[in-house]
Amino acid sequence: MGLSNLGIFHTVIGVAAIIAALVSFVRYGKIDFGSGEGKIYFYGTLVASLTALGIYRHGGFNAGHVLSLLIIVLILTGFFLHTKKSGNNKARYFENFCLSFSFFLSMVPTINETLTRLPVGKPFASDVKDPIVMNSLSTAFILFIIGSGYQVVRQRKINKKAQSGS
């Protein structure tokens, strides 16, 4: 598979963050910074994104590095909204979007790298333009749209409940 030590560390941390996000989605319908899973997602994604900046499998600075920087901005924005705007229910919409979008963007290189590297010796896809990669990315995008819609509806109910004082 040809991973450097940094690549192995990046992969392990990134997988832990993805698992934590999935558990949080199932438990809370969102990545919840108030939970242990949310904290693991935040710190794991931050470390994975920072370490990705030191990985140059495809030459110099590339689209993967830009994605890493965007993910860092999104999770820091979500964290800021969670900590500094905790009483503002409208901020939850943006917090949820930032974290869900960061998760989706994290899945882009994850899907690409997984399908073009595994199984070792005979990967599922020959390159990132392979139909299995494109179909997987399309499915991930559709799930992101559906999940974001679900979060908006759910947050609207939470906000209405908070307004009525219940």
Protein backbone atom coordinates (compact mmCIF):
# COMPACT_ATOMS: atom_id res chain seq x y z
CA MET A 1 0.00 0.00 0.00
CA GLY A 2 3.05 2.24 0.40
CA LEU A 3 2.03 4.45 3.32
CA SER A 4 4.61 6.56 5.12
CA ASN A 5 4.61 6.76 8.91
CA LEU A 6 2.80 10.08 8.61
CA GLY A 7 0.30 8.46 6.23
CA ILE A 8 -0.36 5.62 8.66
CA PHE A 9 -0.84 8.04 11.57
CA HIS A 10 -3.09 10.25 9.41
CA THR A 11 -5.18 7.24 8.36
CA VAL A 12 -5.65 5.87 11.88
CA ILE A 13 -6.65 9.27 13.29
CA GLY A 14 -8.91 9.99 10.31
CA VAL A 15 -10.70 6.65 10.57
CA ALA A 16 -11.27 7.22 14.32
CA ALA A 17 -12.76 10.65 13.54
CA ILE A 18 -15.06 9.20 10.85
CA ILE A 19 -16.27 6.44 13.18
CA ALA A 20 -16.90 8.99 15.95
CA ALA A 21 -18.90 11.18 13.55
CA LEU A 22 -21.01 8.23 12.40
CA VAL A 23 -21.74 7.23 16.00
CA SER A 24 -22.68 10.83 16.79
CA PHE A 25 -24.97 11.01 13.74
CA VAL A 26 -26.74 7.83 14.85
CA ARG A 27 -27.05 8.88 18.51
CA TYR A 28 -27.83 12.59 18.14
CA GLY A 29 -28.73 13.17 14.49
CA LYS A 30 -25.68 15.41 14.14
CA ILE A 31 -22.07 15.75 15.15
CA ASP A 32 -22.55 16.93 18.71
CA PHE A 33 -19.58 18.74 20.23
CA GLY A 34 -21.17 18.22 23.63
CA SER A 35 -20.56 14.48 23.34
CA GLY A 36 -17.39 12.43 23.51
CA GLU A 37 -17.93 11.41 19.91
CA GLY A 38 -18.14 15.06 18.86
CA LYS A 39 -14.90 15.86 20.65
CA ILE A 40 -13.16 12.87 19.03
CA TYR A 41 -14.46 14.04 15.64
CA PHE A 42 -13.22 17.59 16.20
CA TYR A 43 -9.73 16.74 17.43
CA GLY A 44 -9.32 13.73 15.13
CA THR A 45 -10.41 15.69 12.07
CA LEU A 46 -8.19 18.62 13.03
CA VAL A 47 -5.15 16.35 13.41
CA ALA A 48 -5.99 14.35 10.25
CA SER A 49 -6.42 17.55 8.24
CA LEU A 50 -3.18 19.04 9.54
CA THR A 51 -1.22 15.85 8.87
CA ALA A 52 -2.72 15.66 5.35
CA LEU A 53 -0.89 18.89 4.60
CA GLY A 54 2.37 16.94 4.93
CA ILE A 55 1.37 14.13 2.57
CA TYR A 56 2.47 14.52 -1.05
CA ARG A 57 1.48 11.25 -2.77
CA HIS A 58 0.47 13.11 -5.93
CA GLY A 59 3.33 15.60 -6.09
CA GLY A 60 3.21 19.07 -4.54
CA PHE A 61 0.37 21.12 -3.09
CA ASN A 62 -2.87 19.84 -4.64
CA ALA A 63 -6.65 19.71 -4.34
CA GLY A 64 -6.39 17.37 -1.33
CA HIS A 65 -4.46 20.02 0.55
CA VAL A 66 -7.09 22.63 -0.32
CA LEU A 67 -9.78 20.24 1.00
CA SER A 68 -7.81 19.85 4.23
CA LEU A 69 -7.64 23.61 4.71
CA LEU A 70 -11.36 23.99 3.98
CA ILE A 71 -12.18 21.20 6.46
CA ILE A 72 -10.10 22.96 9.12
CA VAL A 73 -12.00 26.21 8.52
CA LEU A 74 -15.35 24.38 8.70
CA ILE A 75 -14.65 22.51 11.94
CA LEU A 76 -13.18 25.62 13.59
CA THR A 77 -16.25 27.61 12.53
CA GLY A 78 -18.51 24.87 13.90
CA PHE A 79 -16.53 24.81 17.14
CA PHE A 80 -16.72 28.60 17.44
CA LEU A 81 -20.49 28.54 16.91
CA HIS A 82 -20.87 25.78 19.48
CA THR A 83 -18.82 27.50 22.17
CA LYS A 84 -19.44 31.22 21.57
CA LYS A 85 -23.03 31.13 20.33
CA SER A 86 -24.40 28.41 22.60
CA GLY A 87 -27.57 30.34 23.43
CA ASN A 88 -28.29 31.22 19.80
CA ASN A 89 -30.52 28.52 18.28
CA LYS A 90 -30.10 29.98 14.79
CA ALA A 91 -26.36 29.36 15.05
CA ARG A 92 -27.09 25.62 15.36
CA TYR A 93 -28.17 25.51 11.71
CA PHE A 94 -24.77 26.84 10.63
CA GLU A 95 -22.90 24.70 13.16
CA ASN A 96 -24.66 21.55 11.91
CA PHE A 97 -24.00 22.49 8.28
CA CYS A 98 -20.32 23.24 8.87
CA LEU A 99 -19.75 19.94 10.63
CA SER A 100 -21.78 17.87 8.14
CA PHE A 101 -20.06 19.54 5.20
CA SER A 102 -16.65 18.94 6.81
CA PHE A 103 -17.60 15.27 7.17
CA PHE A 104 -18.67 15.05 3.53
CA LEU A 105 -15.44 16.73 2.37
CA SER A 106 -13.47 14.30 4.54
CA MET A 107 -15.18 11.45 2.74
CA VAL A 108 -13.96 12.63 -0.69
CA PRO A 109 -10.30 11.68 -0.22
CA THR A 110 -11.29 8.77 2.03
CA ILE A 111 -13.41 7.21 -0.72
CA ASN A 112 -10.81 7.99 -3.40
CA GLU A 113 -7.88 6.57 -1.46
CA THR A 114 -9.77 3.51 -0.19
CA LEU A 115 -11.11 2.47 -3.58
CA THR A 116 -7.83 3.07 -5.41
CA ARG A 117 -5.69 1.24 -2.79
CA LEU A 118 -7.82 -1.66 -1.55
CA PRO A 119 -7.74 -4.56 -1.77
CA VAL A 120 -3.96 -4.44 -1.91
CA GLY A 121 -2.69 -5.65 -5.25
CA LYS A 122 -6.05 -5.43 -7.04
CA PRO A 123 -7.86 -2.24 -5.98
CA PHE A 124 -11.55 -1.74 -6.71
CA ALA A 125 -10.77 1.34 -8.84
CA SER A 126 -7.92 2.12 -11.20
CA ASP A 127 -8.00 5.88 -10.54
CA VAL A 128 -10.21 8.64 -9.13
CA LYS A 129 -12.20 8.88 -12.38
CA ASP A 130 -13.25 5.23 -12.20
CA PRO A 131 -17.08 4.82 -12.18
CA ILE A 132 -17.05 3.11 -8.76
CA VAL A 133 -15.33 6.16 -7.26
CA MET A 134 -17.65 8.60 -9.00
CA ASN A 135 -20.76 6.61 -7.98
CA SER A 136 -19.53 6.37 -4.39
CA LEU A 137 -18.89 10.11 -4.25
CA SER A 138 -22.34 10.78 -5.74
CA THR A 139 -23.93 8.55 -3.11
CA ALA A 140 -22.01 10.34 -0.35
CA PHE A 141 -23.20 13.70 -1.70
CA ILE A 142 -26.84 12.54 -1.79
CA LEU A 143 -26.52 11.28 1.79
CA PHE A 144 -25.04 14.66 2.78
CA ILE A 145 -28.03 16.49 1.23
CA ILE A 146 -30.55 14.16 2.91
CA GLY A 147 -28.74 14.38 6.24
CA SER A 148 -28.54 18.16 6.07
CA GLY A 149 -32.26 18.36 5.33
CA TYR A 150 -32.97 16.08 8.28
CA GLN A 151 -30.84 18.27 10.53
CA VAL A 152 -32.69 21.44 9.45
CA VAL A 153 -36.08 19.85 10.20
CA ARG A 154 -34.83 18.48 13.51
CA GLN A 155 -33.25 21.80 14.52
CA ARG A 156 -36.43 23.67 13.62
CA LYS A 157 -38.36 21.45 16.06
CA ILE A 158 -35.75 22.01 18.77
CA ASN A 159 -35.88 25.79 18.23
CA LYS A 160 -39.70 25.87 18.35
CA LYS A 161 -39.67 23.85 21.54
CA ALA A 162 -37.13 26.25 23.07
CA GLN A 163 -39.21 29.28 22.03
CA SER A 164 -42.34 27.90 23.64
CA GLY A 165 -40.39 27.34 26.86
CA SER A 166 -41.07 23.61 27.00
